[in-house]
PDB file of all heavy atoms in Angstrom:
ATOM      1  N   SER A   1      13.909   8.950  -3.864  1.00  0.00           N
ATOM      2  CA  SER A   1      14.088   8.858  -2.408  1.00  0.00           C
ATOM      3  C   SER A   1      12.875   9.443  -1.698  1.00  0.00           C
ATOM      4  O   SER A   1      12.368   8.867  -0.720  1.00  0.00           O
ATOM      5  CB  SER A   1      15.355   9.593  -1.987  1.00  0.00           C
ATOM      6  OG  SER A   1      15.501   9.597  -0.588  1.00  0.00           O
ATOM      7  N   ALA A   2      12.378  10.588  -2.194  1.00  0.00           N
ATOM      8  CA  ALA A   2      11.198  11.215  -1.585  1.00  0.00           C
ATOM      9  C   ALA A   2       9.958  10.331  -1.767  1.00  0.00           C
ATOM     10  O   ALA A   2       9.103  10.237  -0.872  1.00  0.00           O
ATOM     11  CB  ALA A   2      10.962  12.592  -2.208  1.00  0.00           C
ATOM     12  N   TYR A   3       9.869   9.665  -2.914  1.00  0.00           N
ATOM     13  CA  TYR A   3       8.724   8.788  -3.201  1.00  0.00           C
ATOM     14  C   TYR A   3       8.721   7.557  -2.281  1.00  0.00           C
ATOM     15  O   TYR A   3       7.689   7.175  -1.746  1.00  0.00           O
ATOM     16  CB  TYR A   3       8.774   8.360  -4.674  1.00  0.00           C
ATOM     17  CG  TYR A   3       7.745   7.308  -5.037  1.00  0.00           C
ATOM     18  CD1 TYR A   3       6.391   7.632  -5.118  1.00  0.00           C
ATOM     19  CD2 TYR A   3       8.136   5.993  -5.296  1.00  0.00           C
ATOM     20  CE1 TYR A   3       5.452   6.663  -5.444  1.00  0.00           C
ATOM     21  CE2 TYR A   3       7.210   5.029  -5.627  1.00  0.00           C
ATOM     22  CZ  TYR A   3       5.857   5.365  -5.695  1.00  0.00           C
ATOM     23  OH  TYR A   3       4.927   4.399  -6.014  1.00  0.00           O
ATOM     24  N   ILE A   4       9.896   6.938  -2.092  1.00  0.00           N
ATOM     25  CA  ILE A   4       9.975   5.700  -1.306  1.00  0.00           C
ATOM     26  C   ILE A   4      10.021   5.975   0.195  1.00  0.00           C
ATOM     27  O   ILE A   4       9.305   5.345   0.980  1.00  0.00           O
ATOM     28  CB  ILE A   4      11.216   4.882  -1.717  1.00  0.00           C
ATOM     29  CG1 ILE A   4      11.073   4.406  -3.170  1.00  0.00           C
ATOM     30  CG2 ILE A   4      11.421   3.676  -0.790  1.00  0.00           C
ATOM     31  CD1 ILE A   4      12.284   3.663  -3.705  1.00  0.00           C
ATOM     32  N   PHE A   5      10.863   6.962   0.607  1.00  0.00           N
ATOM     33  CA  PHE A   5      11.117   7.187   2.042  1.00  0.00           C
ATOM     34  C   PHE A   5      10.410   8.423   2.596  1.00  0.00           C
ATOM     35  O   PHE A   5      10.495   8.696   3.794  1.00  0.00           O
ATOM     36  CB  PHE A   5      12.623   7.338   2.288  1.00  0.00           C
ATOM     37  CG  PHE A   5      13.452   6.135   1.911  1.00  0.00           C
ATOM     38  CD1 PHE A   5      14.280   6.172   0.792  1.00  0.00           C
ATOM     39  CD2 PHE A   5      13.389   4.971   2.660  1.00  0.00           C
ATOM     40  CE1 PHE A   5      15.060   5.083   0.451  1.00  0.00           C
ATOM     41  CE2 PHE A   5      14.176   3.874   2.325  1.00  0.00           C
ATOM     42  CZ  PHE A   5      15.002   3.923   1.207  1.00  0.00           C
ATOM     43  N   GLU A   6       9.790   9.186   1.675  1.00  0.00           N
ATOM     44  CA  GLU A   6       9.223  10.483   2.060  1.00  0.00           C
ATOM     45  C   GLU A   6      10.303  11.415   2.586  1.00  0.00           C
ATOM     46  O   GLU A   6      10.085  12.259   3.446  1.00  0.00           O
ATOM     47  CB  GLU A   6       8.104  10.310   3.107  1.00  0.00           C
ATOM     48  CG  GLU A   6       6.921   9.508   2.596  1.00  0.00           C
ATOM     49  CD  GLU A   6       5.812   9.402   3.626  1.00  0.00           C
ATOM     50  OE1 GLU A   6       6.026   9.872   4.767  1.00  0.00           O
ATOM     51  OE2 GLU A   6       4.754   8.854   3.298  1.00  0.00           O
ATOM     52  N   ASN A   7      11.497  11.215   2.079  1.00  0.00           N
ATOM     53  CA  ASN A   7      12.656  12.030   2.464  1.00  0.00           C
ATOM     54  C   ASN A   7      13.633  12.002   1.286  1.00  0.00           C
ATOM     55  O   ASN A   7      14.107  10.931   0.907  1.00  0.00           O
ATOM     56  CB  ASN A   7      13.327  11.456   3.717  1.00  0.00           C
ATOM     57  CG  ASN A   7      14.522  12.290   4.154  1.00  0.00           C
ATOM     58  OD1 ASN A   7      15.008  13.159   3.431  1.00  0.00           O
ATOM     59  ND2 ASN A   7      15.011  12.010   5.359  1.00  0.00           N
ATOM     60  N   PRO A   8      13.926  13.154   0.692  1.00  0.00           N
ATOM     61  CA  PRO A   8      14.774  13.154  -0.506  1.00  0.00           C
ATOM     62  C   PRO A   8      16.262  12.984  -0.222  1.00  0.00           C
ATOM     63  O   PRO A   8      17.068  12.914  -1.154  1.00  0.00           O
ATOM     64  CB  PRO A   8      14.508  14.542  -1.113  1.00  0.00           C
ATOM     65  CG  PRO A   8      14.196  15.399   0.074  1.00  0.00           C
ATOM     66  CD  PRO A   8      13.436  14.514   1.035  1.00  0.00           C
ATOM     67  N   GLU A   9      16.685  12.901   1.063  1.00  0.00           N
ATOM     68  CA  GLU A   9      18.100  12.951   1.402  1.00  0.00           C
ATOM     69  C   GLU A   9      18.744  11.601   1.664  1.00  0.00           C
ATOM     70  O   GLU A   9      19.862  11.525   2.160  1.00  0.00           O
ATOM     71  CB  GLU A   9      18.313  13.863   2.630  1.00  0.00           C
ATOM     72  CG  GLU A   9      17.846  15.287   2.436  1.00  0.00           C
ATOM     73  CD  GLU A   9      18.535  15.944   1.249  1.00  0.00           C
ATOM     74  OE1 GLU A   9      19.733  15.652   1.016  1.00  0.00           O
ATOM     75  OE2 GLU A   9      17.882  16.725   0.541  1.00  0.00           O
ATOM     76  N   HIS A  10      18.036  10.504   1.377  1.00  0.00           N
ATOM     77  CA  HIS A  10      18.673   9.193   1.551  1.00  0.00           C
ATOM     78  C   HIS A  10      19.780   9.011   0.514  1.00  0.00           C
ATOM     79  O   HIS A  10      19.744   9.600  -0.578  1.00  0.00           O
ATOM     80  CB  HIS A  10      17.629   8.077   1.427  1.00  0.00           C
ATOM     81  CG  HIS A  10      16.852   7.858   2.686  1.00  0.00           C
ATOM     82  ND1 HIS A  10      17.099   6.818   3.548  1.00  0.00           N
ATOM     83  CD2 HIS A  10      15.838   8.580   3.248  1.00  0.00           C
ATOM     84  CE1 HIS A  10      16.272   6.882   4.582  1.00  0.00           C
ATOM     85  NE2 HIS A  10      15.490   7.945   4.416  1.00  0.00           N
ATOM     86  N   SER A  11      20.796   8.191   0.864  1.00  0.00           N
ATOM     87  CA  SER A  11      21.943   8.005  -0.026  1.00  0.00           C
ATOM     88  C   SER A  11      21.528   7.242  -1.281  1.00  0.00           C
ATOM     89  O   SER A  11      20.506   6.540  -1.309  1.00  0.00           O
ATOM     90  CB  SER A  11      23.046   7.244   0.693  1.00  0.00           C
ATOM     91  OG  SER A  11      22.657   5.905   0.950  1.00  0.00           O
ATOM     92  N   ALA A  12      22.356   7.370  -2.308  1.00  0.00           N
ATOM     93  CA  ALA A  12      22.080   6.695  -3.581  1.00  0.00           C
ATOM     94  C   ALA A  12      22.039   5.185  -3.398  1.00  0.00           C
ATOM     95  O   ALA A  12      21.206   4.493  -4.010  1.00  0.00           O
ATOM     96  CB  ALA A  12      23.147   7.079  -4.605  1.00  0.00           C
ATOM     97  N   SER A  13      22.935   4.648  -2.560  1.00  0.00           N
ATOM     98  CA  SER A  13      22.946   3.195  -2.359  1.00  0.00           C
ATOM     99  C   SER A  13      21.662   2.727  -1.670  1.00  0.00           C
ATOM    100  O   SER A  13      21.118   1.661  -1.996  1.00  0.00           O
ATOM    101  CB  SER A  13      24.167   2.778  -1.546  1.00  0.00           C
ATOM    102  OG  SER A  13      24.152   3.375  -0.264  1.00  0.00           O
ATOM    103  N   GLU A  14      21.169   3.508  -0.707  1.00  0.00           N
ATOM    104  CA  GLU A  14      19.925   3.145  -0.016  1.00  0.00           C
ATOM    105  C   GLU A  14      18.737   3.195  -0.980  1.00  0.00           C
ATOM    106  O   GLU A  14      17.851   2.318  -0.945  1.00  0.00           O
ATOM    107  CB  GLU A  14      19.689   4.088   1.161  1.00  0.00           C
ATOM    108  CG  GLU A  14      20.667   3.901   2.316  1.00  0.00           C
ATOM    109  CD  GLU A  14      20.504   4.961   3.393  1.00  0.00           C
ATOM    110  OE1 GLU A  14      20.232   6.130   3.036  1.00  0.00           O
ATOM    111  OE2 GLU A  14      20.653   4.625   4.570  1.00  0.00           O
ATOM    112  N   VAL A  15      18.735   4.209  -1.827  1.00  0.00           N
ATOM    113  CA  VAL A  15      17.647   4.333  -2.797  1.00  0.00           C
ATOM    114  C   VAL A  15      17.684   3.164  -3.785  1.00  0.00           C
ATOM    115  O   VAL A  15      16.661   2.530  -4.082  1.00  0.00           O
ATOM    116  CB  VAL A  15      17.741   5.673  -3.546  1.00  0.00           C
ATOM    117  CG1 VAL A  15      16.723   5.722  -4.692  1.00  0.00           C
ATOM    118  CG2 VAL A  15      17.525   6.844  -2.584  1.00  0.00           C
ATOM    119  N   GLY A  16      18.892   2.846  -4.277  1.00  0.00           N
ATOM    120  CA  GLY A  16      19.022   1.753  -5.231  1.00  0.00           C
ATOM    121  C   GLY A  16      18.600   0.425  -4.633  1.00  0.00           C
ATOM    122  O   GLY A  16      17.895  -0.374  -5.281  1.00  0.00           O
ATOM    123  N   GLU A  17      18.993   0.169  -3.384  1.00  0.00           N
ATOM    124  CA  GLU A  17      18.635  -1.095  -2.742  1.00  0.00           C
ATOM    125  C   GLU A  17      17.124  -1.171  -2.510  1.00  0.00           C
ATOM    126  O   GLU A  17      16.503  -2.225  -2.702  1.00  0.00           O
ATOM    127  CB  GLU A  17      19.387  -1.242  -1.418  1.00  0.00           C
ATOM    128  CG  GLU A  17      19.146  -2.593  -0.756  1.00  0.00           C
ATOM    129  CD  GLU A  17      20.061  -2.850   0.418  1.00  0.00           C
ATOM    130  OE1 GLU A  17      20.855  -1.949   0.753  1.00  0.00           O
ATOM    131  OE2 GLU A  17      19.993  -3.948   0.991  1.00  0.00           O
ATOM    132  N   ALA A  18      16.516  -0.049  -2.095  1.00  0.00           N
ATOM    133  CA  ALA A  18      15.074  -0.027  -1.857  1.00  0.00           C
ATOM    134  C   ALA A  18      14.309  -0.299  -3.156  1.00  0.00           C
ATOM    135  O   ALA A  18      13.289  -1.015  -3.160  1.00  0.00           O
ATOM    136  CB  ALA A  18      14.658   1.319  -1.266  1.00  0.00           C
ATOM    137  N   CYS A  19      14.800   0.266  -4.245  1.00  0.00           N
ATOM    138  CA  CYS A  19      14.165   0.024  -5.548  1.00  0.00           C
ATOM    139  C   CYS A  19      14.240  -1.457  -5.910  1.00  0.00           C
ATOM    140  O   CYS A  19      13.264  -2.047  -6.406  1.00  0.00           O
ATOM    141  CB  CYS A  19      14.842   0.862  -6.628  1.00  0.00           C
ATOM    142  SG  CYS A  19      14.488   2.625  -6.517  1.00  0.00           S
ATOM    143  N   PHE A  20      15.405  -2.059  -5.669  1.00  0.00           N
ATOM    144  CA  PHE A  20      15.571  -3.479  -6.001  1.00  0.00           C
ATOM    145  C   PHE A  20      14.649  -4.343  -5.142  1.00  0.00           C
ATOM    146  O   PHE A  20      13.998  -5.279  -5.645  1.00  0.00           O
ATOM    147  CB  PHE A  20      17.026  -3.898  -5.804  1.00  0.00           C
ATOM    148  CG  PHE A  20      17.293  -5.328  -6.179  1.00  0.00           C
ATOM    149  CD1 PHE A  20      17.595  -5.670  -7.485  1.00  0.00           C
ATOM    150  CD2 PHE A  20      17.226  -6.340  -5.230  1.00  0.00           C
ATOM    151  CE1 PHE A  20      17.820  -6.987  -7.841  1.00  0.00           C
ATOM    152  CE2 PHE A  20      17.448  -7.656  -5.576  1.00  0.00           C
ATOM    153  CZ  PHE A  20      17.749  -7.989  -6.888  1.00  0.00           C
ATOM    154  N   VAL A  21      14.572  -4.041  -3.833  1.00  0.00           N
ATOM    155  CA  VAL A  21      13.705  -4.812  -2.930  1.00  0.00           C
ATOM    156  C   VAL A  21      12.256  -4.714  -3.373  1.00  0.00           C
ATOM    157  O   VAL A  21      11.514  -5.706  -3.402  1.00  0.00           O
ATOM    158  CB  VAL A  21      13.880  -4.320  -1.473  1.00  0.00           C
ATOM    159  CG1 VAL A  21      12.806  -4.929  -0.567  1.00  0.00           C
ATOM    160  CG2 VAL A  21      15.269  -4.670  -0.969  1.00  0.00           C
ATOM    161  N   LYS A  22      11.851  -3.505  -3.726  1.00  0.00           N
ATOM    162  CA  LYS A  22      10.464  -3.290  -4.169  1.00  0.00           C
ATOM    163  C   LYS A  22      10.188  -4.072  -5.455  1.00  0.00           C
ATOM    164  O   LYS A  22       9.156  -4.759  -5.586  1.00  0.00           O
ATOM    165  CB  LYS A  22      10.214  -1.797  -4.401  1.00  0.00           C
ATOM    166  CG  LYS A  22       8.762  -1.466  -4.769  1.00  0.00           C
ATOM    167  CD  LYS A  22       8.585   0.054  -4.858  1.00  0.00           C
ATOM    168  CE  LYS A  22       7.171   0.400  -5.271  1.00  0.00           C
ATOM    169  NZ  LYS A  22       6.164  -0.053  -4.285  1.00  0.00           N
ATOM    170  N   ALA A  23      11.121  -4.022  -6.391  1.00  0.00           N
ATOM    171  CA  ALA A  23      10.949  -4.753  -7.667  1.00  0.00           C
ATOM    172  C   ALA A  23      10.966  -6.264  -7.418  1.00  0.00           C
ATOM    173  O   ALA A  23      10.218  -7.025  -8.067  1.00  0.00           O
ATOM    174  CB  ALA A  23      12.066  -4.360  -8.658  1.00  0.00           C
ATOM    175  N   LEU A  24      11.840  -6.718  -6.491  1.00  0.00           N
ATOM    176  CA  LEU A  24      11.919  -8.141  -6.194  1.00  0.00           C
ATOM    177  C   LEU A  24      10.596  -8.647  -5.592  1.00  0.00           C
ATOM    178  O   LEU A  24      10.127  -9.737  -5.952  1.00  0.00           O
ATOM    179  CB  LEU A  24      13.091  -8.397  -5.240  1.00  0.00           C
ATOM    180  CG  LEU A  24      13.291  -9.853  -4.785  1.00  0.00           C
ATOM    181  CD1 LEU A  24      13.560 -10.757  -5.977  1.00  0.00           C
ATOM    182  CD2 LEU A  24      14.403  -9.955  -3.752  1.00  0.00           C
ATOM    183  N   GLU A  25      10.044  -7.862  -4.676  1.00  0.00           N
ATOM    184  CA  GLU A  25       8.765  -8.257  -4.057  1.00  0.00           C
ATOM    185  C   GLU A  25       7.673  -8.375  -5.114  1.00  0.00           C
ATOM    186  O   GLU A  25       6.870  -9.317  -5.106  1.00  0.00           O
ATOM    187  CB  GLU A  25       8.367  -7.250  -2.987  1.00  0.00           C
ATOM    188  CG  GLU A  25       9.250  -7.298  -1.742  1.00  0.00           C
ATOM    189  CD  GLU A  25       8.936  -6.169  -0.757  1.00  0.00           C
ATOM    190  OE1 GLU A  25       8.173  -5.248  -1.144  1.00  0.00           O
ATOM    191  OE2 GLU A  25       9.454  -6.220   0.370  1.00  0.00           O
ATOM    192  N   GLU A  26       7.639  -7.415  -6.041  1.00  0.00           N
ATOM    193  CA  GLU A  26       6.639  -7.466  -7.116  1.00  0.00           C
ATOM    194  C   GLU A  26       6.867  -8.665  -8.015  1.00  0.00           C
ATOM    195  O   GLU A  26       5.924  -9.336  -8.466  1.00  0.00           O
ATOM    196  CB  GLU A  26       6.679  -6.170  -7.915  1.00  0.00           C
ATOM    197  CG  GLU A  26       6.224  -4.960  -7.121  1.00  0.00           C
ATOM    198  CD  GLU A  26       6.368  -3.662  -7.915  1.00  0.00           C
ATOM    199  OE1 GLU A  26       6.883  -3.720  -9.058  1.00  0.00           O
ATOM    200  OE2 GLU A  26       5.980  -2.595  -7.384  1.00  0.00           O
ATOM    201  N   ALA A  27       8.151  -8.963  -8.281  1.00  0.00           N
ATOM    202  CA  ALA A  27       8.458 -10.099  -9.162  1.00  0.00           C
ATOM    203  C   ALA A  27       8.091 -11.413  -8.508  1.00  0.00           C
ATOM    204  O   ALA A  27       7.590 -12.339  -9.167  1.00  0.00           O
ATOM    205  CB  ALA A  27       9.967 -10.079  -9.494  1.00  0.00           C
TER     206      ALA A  27
END
């Protein structure tokens, strides 16, 4: 969360979705 949002307090669902979006864009 800190790596993606520069804030470690984002929810697990937000972190998981952001990871998927980032991976999808790369794919």
